[in-house]
N, C-alpha and C. Protein backbone atom coordinates (compact mmCIF):
# COMPACT_ATOMS: atom_id res chain seq x y z
N MET A 1 0.84 -1.18 0.00
CA MET A 1 0.00 0.00 0.00
C MET A 1 0.89 1.24 0.00
N THR A 2 0.54 2.22 -0.81
CA THR A 2 1.30 3.45 -0.89
C THR A 2 0.78 4.43 0.16
N MET A 3 1.69 4.95 0.96
CA MET A 3 1.34 5.91 2.00
C MET A 3 1.28 7.32 1.40
N PRO A 4 0.52 8.23 2.00
CA PRO A 4 0.47 9.60 1.49
C PRO A 4 1.86 10.25 1.41
N SER A 5 2.73 9.98 2.36
CA SER A 5 4.08 10.57 2.30
C SER A 5 4.84 10.05 1.08
N GLU A 6 4.62 8.78 0.70
CA GLU A 6 5.27 8.23 -0.50
C GLU A 6 4.70 8.87 -1.76
N ARG A 7 3.40 9.16 -1.76
CA ARG A 7 2.80 9.85 -2.90
C ARG A 7 3.36 11.26 -3.05
N ARG A 8 3.50 11.96 -1.93
CA ARG A 8 4.08 13.31 -2.00
C ARG A 8 5.50 13.25 -2.54
N ARG A 9 6.27 12.28 -2.06
CA ARG A 9 7.65 12.13 -2.54
C ARG A 9 7.67 11.80 -4.03
N ALA A 10 6.78 10.92 -4.49
CA ALA A 10 6.72 10.57 -5.91
C ALA A 10 6.34 11.77 -6.75
N LEU A 11 5.46 12.62 -6.26
CA LEU A 11 5.11 13.83 -7.00
C LEU A 11 6.32 14.76 -7.13
N ARG A 12 7.12 14.85 -6.07
CA ARG A 12 8.33 15.69 -6.15
C ARG A 12 9.35 15.08 -7.10
N TRP A 13 9.50 13.77 -7.06
CA TRP A 13 10.45 13.10 -7.96
C TRP A 13 10.00 13.21 -9.42
N ALA A 14 8.70 13.26 -9.64
CA ALA A 14 8.18 13.24 -11.00
C ALA A 14 8.70 14.41 -11.83
N ARG A 15 8.76 15.59 -11.23
CA ARG A 15 9.25 16.75 -11.99
C ARG A 15 10.67 16.48 -12.49
N ALA A 16 11.54 15.98 -11.64
CA ALA A 16 12.92 15.69 -12.05
C ALA A 16 12.96 14.56 -13.08
N THR A 17 12.15 13.54 -12.89
CA THR A 17 12.13 12.42 -13.82
C THR A 17 11.62 12.86 -15.19
N LEU A 18 10.60 13.70 -15.20
CA LEU A 18 10.10 14.21 -16.47
C LEU A 18 11.18 15.02 -17.19
N GLY A 19 11.95 15.78 -16.42
CA GLY A 19 13.08 16.51 -17.01
C GLY A 19 14.12 15.56 -17.59
N ASP A 20 14.37 14.46 -16.89
CA ASP A 20 15.32 13.46 -17.40
C ASP A 20 14.82 12.84 -18.71
N ILE A 21 13.53 12.56 -18.77
CA ILE A 21 12.96 12.00 -20.00
C ILE A 21 13.13 12.98 -21.15
N GLN A 22 12.84 14.25 -20.87
CA GLN A 22 12.92 15.27 -21.90
C GLN A 22 14.35 15.45 -22.42
N SER A 23 15.33 15.30 -21.55
CA SER A 23 16.72 15.51 -21.97
C SER A 23 17.41 14.22 -22.43
N ASP A 24 16.73 13.09 -22.34
CA ASP A 24 17.32 11.83 -22.78
C ASP A 24 17.48 11.86 -24.31
N PRO A 25 18.70 11.63 -24.80
CA PRO A 25 18.92 11.72 -26.25
C PRO A 25 18.12 10.69 -27.05
N GLY A 26 17.71 9.61 -26.45
CA GLY A 26 16.96 8.59 -27.17
C GLY A 26 15.45 8.79 -27.14
N ALA A 27 15.00 9.79 -26.42
CA ALA A 27 13.55 9.99 -26.27
C ALA A 27 12.92 10.36 -27.61
N PRO A 28 11.87 9.66 -27.99
CA PRO A 28 11.16 10.01 -29.23
C PRO A 28 10.55 11.41 -29.13
N ALA A 29 10.42 12.09 -30.26
CA ALA A 29 9.90 13.46 -30.30
C ALA A 29 8.51 13.55 -29.69
N GLU A 30 7.66 12.55 -29.94
CA GLU A 30 6.31 12.56 -29.39
C GLU A 30 6.32 12.51 -27.86
N LEU A 31 7.20 11.70 -27.30
CA LEU A 31 7.32 11.61 -25.85
C LEU A 31 7.82 12.93 -25.27
N LYS A 32 8.81 13.54 -25.93
CA LYS A 32 9.33 14.83 -25.47
C LYS A 32 8.24 15.90 -25.51
N SER A 33 7.41 15.85 -26.53
CA SER A 33 6.30 16.80 -26.64
C SER A 33 5.30 16.61 -25.51
N ASP A 34 4.99 15.35 -25.19
CA ASP A 34 4.07 15.05 -24.09
C ASP A 34 4.64 15.54 -22.76
N VAL A 35 5.93 15.32 -22.56
CA VAL A 35 6.59 15.77 -21.33
C VAL A 35 6.53 17.29 -21.21
N ALA A 36 6.80 18.00 -22.29
CA ALA A 36 6.76 19.46 -22.26
C ALA A 36 5.37 19.96 -21.89
N ALA A 37 4.33 19.34 -22.44
CA ALA A 37 2.96 19.74 -22.13
C ALA A 37 2.64 19.50 -20.66
N VAL A 38 3.09 18.36 -20.12
CA VAL A 38 2.83 18.04 -18.71
C VAL A 38 3.57 19.01 -17.80
N LEU A 39 4.85 19.27 -18.10
CA LEU A 39 5.64 20.14 -17.25
C LEU A 39 5.11 21.57 -17.20
N ALA A 40 4.43 22.00 -18.25
CA ALA A 40 3.89 23.36 -18.28
C ALA A 40 2.88 23.60 -17.16
N ALA A 41 2.16 22.56 -16.76
CA ALA A 41 1.14 22.72 -15.70
C ALA A 41 1.46 21.92 -14.45
N PHE A 42 2.56 21.19 -14.45
CA PHE A 42 2.87 20.31 -13.31
C PHE A 42 3.22 21.15 -12.08
N PRO A 43 2.75 20.73 -10.90
CA PRO A 43 3.03 21.50 -9.68
C PRO A 43 4.52 21.51 -9.33
N ASP A 44 4.96 22.64 -8.77
CA ASP A 44 6.35 22.72 -8.33
C ASP A 44 6.48 22.11 -6.93
N ASP A 45 7.72 22.07 -6.43
CA ASP A 45 7.98 21.44 -5.13
C ASP A 45 7.20 22.08 -4.00
N ARG A 46 7.06 23.40 -4.05
CA ARG A 46 6.34 24.08 -2.98
C ARG A 46 4.87 23.65 -2.97
N ALA A 47 4.24 23.59 -4.14
CA ALA A 47 2.83 23.19 -4.20
C ALA A 47 2.65 21.78 -3.65
N VAL A 48 3.57 20.88 -3.99
CA VAL A 48 3.48 19.50 -3.49
C VAL A 48 3.75 19.47 -1.99
N ALA A 49 4.78 20.18 -1.55
CA ALA A 49 5.14 20.15 -0.13
C ALA A 49 4.03 20.72 0.74
N THR A 50 3.31 21.70 0.23
CA THR A 50 2.21 22.29 1.00
C THR A 50 0.89 21.58 0.69
N CYS A 51 0.97 20.47 -0.06
CA CYS A 51 -0.22 19.70 -0.43
C CYS A 51 -1.28 20.59 -1.07
N PHE A 52 -0.83 21.54 -1.89
CA PHE A 52 -1.70 22.40 -2.68
C PHE A 52 -2.58 23.31 -1.84
N LEU A 53 -2.26 23.48 -0.56
CA LEU A 53 -3.10 24.30 0.30
C LEU A 53 -3.06 25.77 -0.08
N GLU A 54 -2.01 26.20 -0.79
CA GLU A 54 -1.92 27.60 -1.19
C GLU A 54 -2.53 27.85 -2.57
N GLN A 55 -3.00 26.79 -3.22
CA GLN A 55 -3.54 26.90 -4.58
C GLN A 55 -5.04 27.18 -4.54
N ASP A 56 -5.50 28.00 -5.52
CA ASP A 56 -6.95 28.15 -5.64
C ASP A 56 -7.51 26.92 -6.36
N ASP A 57 -8.81 26.75 -6.34
CA ASP A 57 -9.43 25.53 -6.86
C ASP A 57 -9.17 25.33 -8.35
N ASP A 58 -9.19 26.42 -9.14
CA ASP A 58 -8.95 26.28 -10.59
C ASP A 58 -7.53 25.82 -10.87
N ASN A 59 -6.56 26.42 -10.19
CA ASN A 59 -5.16 26.03 -10.39
C ASN A 59 -4.94 24.59 -9.92
N LEU A 60 -5.54 24.23 -8.81
CA LEU A 60 -5.43 22.86 -8.30
C LEU A 60 -6.00 21.87 -9.32
N ALA A 61 -7.14 22.18 -9.89
CA ALA A 61 -7.75 21.28 -10.88
C ALA A 61 -6.83 21.11 -12.09
N ARG A 62 -6.21 22.22 -12.57
CA ARG A 62 -5.27 22.13 -13.70
C ARG A 62 -4.06 21.27 -13.34
N GLN A 63 -3.57 21.42 -12.11
CA GLN A 63 -2.41 20.64 -11.69
C GLN A 63 -2.76 19.16 -11.56
N LEU A 64 -3.96 18.84 -11.12
CA LEU A 64 -4.35 17.44 -11.02
C LEU A 64 -4.49 16.81 -12.41
N VAL A 65 -4.93 17.59 -13.40
CA VAL A 65 -4.97 17.09 -14.77
C VAL A 65 -3.54 16.81 -15.25
N ALA A 66 -2.61 17.70 -14.93
CA ALA A 66 -1.20 17.50 -15.31
C ALA A 66 -0.62 16.27 -14.60
N ILE A 67 -1.00 16.05 -13.35
CA ILE A 67 -0.52 14.87 -12.62
C ILE A 67 -1.05 13.60 -13.29
N GLU A 68 -2.32 13.63 -13.68
CA GLU A 68 -2.88 12.46 -14.36
C GLU A 68 -2.15 12.21 -15.67
N ALA A 69 -1.87 13.26 -16.43
CA ALA A 69 -1.15 13.10 -17.69
C ALA A 69 0.28 12.62 -17.43
N ALA A 70 0.89 13.09 -16.35
CA ALA A 70 2.25 12.67 -16.01
C ALA A 70 2.31 11.18 -15.73
N GLN A 71 1.29 10.65 -15.08
CA GLN A 71 1.28 9.22 -14.78
C GLN A 71 1.33 8.42 -16.08
N GLU A 72 0.58 8.86 -17.06
CA GLU A 72 0.57 8.19 -18.36
C GLU A 72 1.95 8.28 -19.03
N VAL A 73 2.56 9.44 -18.97
CA VAL A 73 3.90 9.64 -19.56
C VAL A 73 4.92 8.76 -18.85
N LEU A 74 4.88 8.71 -17.52
CA LEU A 74 5.82 7.88 -16.77
C LEU A 74 5.65 6.40 -17.13
N TRP A 75 4.42 5.96 -17.26
CA TRP A 75 4.16 4.57 -17.61
C TRP A 75 4.75 4.25 -18.98
N HIS A 76 4.50 5.13 -19.97
CA HIS A 76 5.04 4.90 -21.31
C HIS A 76 6.56 4.98 -21.31
N ALA A 77 7.13 5.92 -20.56
CA ALA A 77 8.59 6.06 -20.53
C ALA A 77 9.25 4.82 -19.93
N SER A 78 8.63 4.23 -18.94
CA SER A 78 9.23 3.04 -18.31
C SER A 78 9.27 1.85 -19.26
N ARG A 79 8.50 1.93 -20.34
CA ARG A 79 8.44 0.84 -21.32
C ARG A 79 8.98 1.24 -22.70
N CYS A 80 9.63 2.39 -22.77
CA CYS A 80 10.13 2.91 -24.04
C CYS A 80 11.56 2.42 -24.28
N PRO A 81 11.77 1.53 -25.24
CA PRO A 81 13.10 0.96 -25.45
C PRO A 81 14.14 1.98 -25.95
N GLU A 82 13.68 3.11 -26.50
CA GLU A 82 14.61 4.11 -27.01
C GLU A 82 15.29 4.91 -25.90
N LEU A 83 14.68 4.95 -24.72
CA LEU A 83 15.26 5.69 -23.60
C LEU A 83 16.42 4.92 -22.99
N SER A 84 17.29 5.64 -22.32
CA SER A 84 18.38 4.96 -21.63
C SER A 84 17.81 4.12 -20.50
N GLU A 85 18.54 3.11 -20.10
CA GLU A 85 18.08 2.23 -19.03
C GLU A 85 17.87 3.02 -17.73
N GLN A 86 18.76 3.95 -17.46
CA GLN A 86 18.65 4.76 -16.24
C GLN A 86 17.34 5.57 -16.24
N THR A 87 16.98 6.17 -17.36
CA THR A 87 15.75 6.94 -17.44
C THR A 87 14.52 6.05 -17.31
N ARG A 88 14.57 4.87 -17.92
CA ARG A 88 13.44 3.93 -17.79
C ARG A 88 13.27 3.49 -16.34
N ILE A 89 14.38 3.19 -15.67
CA ILE A 89 14.31 2.77 -14.26
C ILE A 89 13.77 3.89 -13.39
N ALA A 90 14.24 5.12 -13.63
CA ALA A 90 13.74 6.27 -12.86
C ALA A 90 12.25 6.47 -13.08
N SER A 91 11.80 6.30 -14.32
CA SER A 91 10.37 6.44 -14.63
C SER A 91 9.55 5.38 -13.90
N GLU A 92 10.03 4.15 -13.92
CA GLU A 92 9.32 3.06 -13.26
C GLU A 92 9.30 3.26 -11.74
N ALA A 93 10.42 3.68 -11.16
CA ALA A 93 10.48 3.90 -9.71
C ALA A 93 9.55 5.03 -9.28
N THR A 94 9.49 6.09 -10.07
CA THR A 94 8.60 7.21 -9.75
C THR A 94 7.14 6.80 -9.88
N ASP A 95 6.84 6.04 -10.92
CA ASP A 95 5.46 5.61 -11.17
C ASP A 95 4.96 4.64 -10.11
N ARG A 96 5.86 3.94 -9.45
CA ARG A 96 5.46 2.92 -8.47
C ARG A 96 4.54 3.49 -7.38
N HIS A 97 4.86 4.67 -6.86
CA HIS A 97 4.05 5.27 -5.80
C HIS A 97 3.27 6.49 -6.28
N PHE A 98 3.36 6.76 -7.56
CA PHE A 98 2.67 7.91 -8.14
C PHE A 98 1.17 7.67 -8.13
N PRO A 99 0.37 8.72 -7.94
CA PRO A 99 -1.09 8.53 -8.01
C PRO A 99 -1.46 7.91 -9.36
N GLN A 100 -2.27 6.88 -9.32
CA GLN A 100 -2.62 6.15 -10.53
C GLN A 100 -3.89 6.72 -11.17
N ARG A 101 -4.08 6.36 -12.43
CA ARG A 101 -5.19 6.90 -13.20
C ARG A 101 -6.54 6.69 -12.51
N TRP A 102 -6.77 5.51 -11.98
CA TRP A 102 -8.05 5.23 -11.33
C TRP A 102 -8.27 6.10 -10.10
N GLU A 103 -7.18 6.58 -9.51
CA GLU A 103 -7.30 7.46 -8.34
C GLU A 103 -7.57 8.90 -8.74
N LEU A 104 -7.20 9.26 -9.96
CA LEU A 104 -7.29 10.65 -10.40
C LEU A 104 -8.43 10.93 -11.36
N SER A 105 -8.84 9.95 -12.11
CA SER A 105 -9.76 10.16 -13.22
C SER A 105 -11.08 10.79 -12.77
N ASN A 106 -11.49 11.81 -13.51
CA ASN A 106 -12.77 12.46 -13.22
C ASN A 106 -13.94 11.51 -13.45
N ALA A 107 -13.75 10.54 -14.34
CA ALA A 107 -14.84 9.60 -14.62
C ALA A 107 -15.16 8.75 -13.40
N SER A 108 -14.14 8.33 -12.66
CA SER A 108 -14.40 7.47 -11.51
C SER A 108 -14.32 8.23 -10.18
N TRP A 109 -13.80 9.44 -10.21
CA TRP A 109 -13.62 10.20 -8.98
C TRP A 109 -14.64 11.32 -8.93
N THR A 110 -15.61 11.21 -8.08
CA THR A 110 -16.69 12.20 -8.05
C THR A 110 -16.47 13.28 -7.01
N ARG A 111 -15.38 13.19 -6.29
CA ARG A 111 -15.11 14.19 -5.26
C ARG A 111 -14.38 15.39 -5.84
N SER A 112 -14.35 16.45 -5.08
CA SER A 112 -13.65 17.65 -5.53
C SER A 112 -12.14 17.43 -5.45
N PRO A 113 -11.37 18.26 -6.17
CA PRO A 113 -9.90 18.15 -6.07
C PRO A 113 -9.41 18.27 -4.62
N ARG A 114 -10.03 19.14 -3.83
CA ARG A 114 -9.62 19.29 -2.42
C ARG A 114 -9.82 17.98 -1.66
N ASP A 115 -10.91 17.28 -1.94
CA ASP A 115 -11.16 16.00 -1.27
C ASP A 115 -10.11 14.97 -1.68
N TRP A 116 -9.70 15.01 -2.96
CA TRP A 116 -8.65 14.09 -3.42
C TRP A 116 -7.35 14.35 -2.66
N VAL A 117 -6.99 15.61 -2.53
CA VAL A 117 -5.77 15.97 -1.82
C VAL A 117 -5.85 15.50 -0.37
N GLU A 118 -6.98 15.72 0.25
CA GLU A 118 -7.17 15.30 1.65
C GLU A 118 -7.00 13.79 1.79
N LEU A 119 -7.63 13.03 0.90
CA LEU A 119 -7.59 11.58 1.01
C LEU A 119 -6.24 10.98 0.65
N TYR A 120 -5.63 11.45 -0.45
CA TYR A 120 -4.42 10.80 -0.95
C TYR A 120 -3.10 11.44 -0.55
N LEU A 121 -3.13 12.70 -0.10
CA LEU A 121 -1.87 13.35 0.25
C LEU A 121 -1.78 13.82 1.69
N LEU A 122 -2.90 14.09 2.31
CA LEU A 122 -2.87 14.72 3.63
C LEU A 122 -3.20 13.79 4.79
N ARG A 123 -3.54 12.55 4.53
CA ARG A 123 -3.99 11.69 5.62
C ARG A 123 -2.99 11.57 6.75
N ASP A 124 -1.69 11.58 6.45
CA ASP A 124 -0.69 11.44 7.52
C ASP A 124 -0.02 12.77 7.86
N MET A 125 -0.60 13.86 7.39
CA MET A 125 0.04 15.17 7.55
C MET A 125 -0.59 15.93 8.71
N ASP A 126 0.25 16.54 9.52
CA ASP A 126 -0.20 17.50 10.51
C ASP A 126 0.70 18.72 10.34
N ALA A 127 0.41 19.78 11.08
CA ALA A 127 1.16 21.03 10.88
C ALA A 127 2.65 20.83 11.13
N GLU A 128 3.03 20.05 12.13
CA GLU A 128 4.45 19.85 12.42
C GLU A 128 5.14 19.04 11.33
N THR A 129 4.47 18.01 10.82
CA THR A 129 5.04 17.23 9.72
C THR A 129 5.24 18.11 8.50
N MET A 130 4.23 18.94 8.19
CA MET A 130 4.36 19.85 7.05
C MET A 130 5.51 20.82 7.28
N ARG A 131 5.61 21.36 8.47
CA ARG A 131 6.68 22.30 8.79
C ARG A 131 8.05 21.66 8.54
N GLN A 132 8.21 20.42 8.98
CA GLN A 132 9.50 19.72 8.80
C GLN A 132 9.79 19.48 7.32
N GLU A 133 8.76 19.08 6.54
CA GLU A 133 8.97 18.84 5.11
C GLU A 133 9.36 20.13 4.40
N LEU A 134 8.72 21.23 4.75
CA LEU A 134 9.04 22.51 4.12
C LEU A 134 10.45 22.96 4.47
N LEU A 135 10.84 22.77 5.72
CA LEU A 135 12.20 23.14 6.12
C LEU A 135 13.24 22.32 5.38
N LYS A 136 12.96 21.03 5.16
CA LYS A 136 13.88 20.17 4.40
C LYS A 136 14.07 20.68 2.99
N LEU A 137 13.00 21.27 2.42
CA LEU A 137 13.07 21.80 1.06
C LEU A 137 13.66 23.21 1.01
N GLY A 138 13.99 23.76 2.18
CA GLY A 138 14.54 25.11 2.22
C GLY A 138 13.50 26.20 2.10
N ILE A 139 12.22 25.85 2.31
CA ILE A 139 11.14 26.83 2.25
C ILE A 139 10.98 27.42 3.65
N THR A 140 11.26 28.69 3.77
CA THR A 140 11.27 29.29 5.10
C THR A 140 9.96 29.98 5.45
N ASN A 141 9.16 30.37 4.47
CA ASN A 141 7.89 31.03 4.74
C ASN A 141 6.81 29.96 4.86
N ILE A 142 6.79 29.29 5.99
CA ILE A 142 5.92 28.12 6.13
C ILE A 142 4.66 28.38 6.94
N ASP A 143 4.59 29.52 7.59
CA ASP A 143 3.45 29.76 8.47
C ASP A 143 2.12 29.78 7.73
N ALA A 144 2.10 30.38 6.54
CA ALA A 144 0.84 30.47 5.79
C ALA A 144 0.33 29.08 5.43
N ALA A 145 1.21 28.20 4.97
CA ALA A 145 0.78 26.85 4.59
C ALA A 145 0.29 26.09 5.82
N CYS A 146 1.02 26.19 6.92
CA CYS A 146 0.61 25.46 8.13
C CYS A 146 -0.69 26.02 8.68
N ALA A 147 -0.88 27.33 8.59
CA ALA A 147 -2.13 27.93 9.07
C ALA A 147 -3.29 27.47 8.21
N ARG A 148 -3.07 27.39 6.91
CA ARG A 148 -4.14 26.93 6.03
C ARG A 148 -4.45 25.46 6.28
N LEU A 149 -3.44 24.66 6.58
CA LEU A 149 -3.68 23.26 6.92
C LEU A 149 -4.57 23.17 8.15
N SER A 150 -4.30 24.02 9.14
CA SER A 150 -5.12 24.02 10.36
C SER A 150 -6.57 24.39 10.05
N ARG A 151 -6.76 25.34 9.13
CA ARG A 151 -8.13 25.73 8.76
C ARG A 151 -8.80 24.65 7.92
N ALA A 152 -8.02 23.95 7.10
CA ALA A 152 -8.59 22.91 6.23
C ALA A 152 -9.01 21.69 7.02
N ARG A 153 -8.36 21.47 8.12
CA ARG A 153 -8.66 20.29 8.94
C ARG A 153 -9.17 20.74 10.29
N PRO A 154 -10.41 20.49 10.58
CA PRO A 154 -10.90 20.86 11.91
C PRO A 154 -10.17 20.05 12.98
N PRO A 155 -9.99 20.64 14.14
CA PRO A 155 -9.30 19.88 15.21
C PRO A 155 -10.07 18.62 15.54
N ARG A 156 -9.32 17.57 15.81
CA ARG A 156 -9.95 16.30 16.15
C ARG A 156 -10.34 16.29 17.62
N LEU A 157 -11.53 15.80 17.85
CA LEU A 157 -12.02 15.71 19.22
C LEU A 157 -11.45 14.44 19.85
N GLU A 158 -10.98 14.60 21.03
CA GLU A 158 -10.45 13.44 21.74
C GLU A 158 -11.54 12.83 22.59
N VAL A 159 -11.70 11.55 22.49
CA VAL A 159 -12.71 10.86 23.28
C VAL A 159 -12.02 10.33 24.54
N LEU A 160 -12.59 10.67 25.66
CA LEU A 160 -12.00 10.24 26.94
C LEU A 160 -12.59 8.93 27.37
């Protein structure tokens, strides 16, 4: 089972892996074109690290479409014989914990993008965990993201 923290890590790795695919000398032109289209809307490290809490709903929806397209590109890249072995392995490793099509597809997913983020990326996240992840990435302005996380998640009631 893929944990939310593994999904967040896979999303961060995906940007670098997509860049590797694009710069691989053996990559077919069609694959490079697909990668360029995905990277144009793909979330940056800050958006992933903050679990999109700073994004408005329209931008989040566009980024989730890019994530869905990226999964398809990673799958094809891992099976593309023209790519270097290293790029294929990186694509396969990233895709292993990457959100899958059935988890993202609008056809099967009737919840809002915010609900998807809550279920697949935030289940193991609290303000302190987010703070630590942001500090690891060198993001120092973390209060806004942590405050928004607190507003997005009502405090849990403790049963005595």
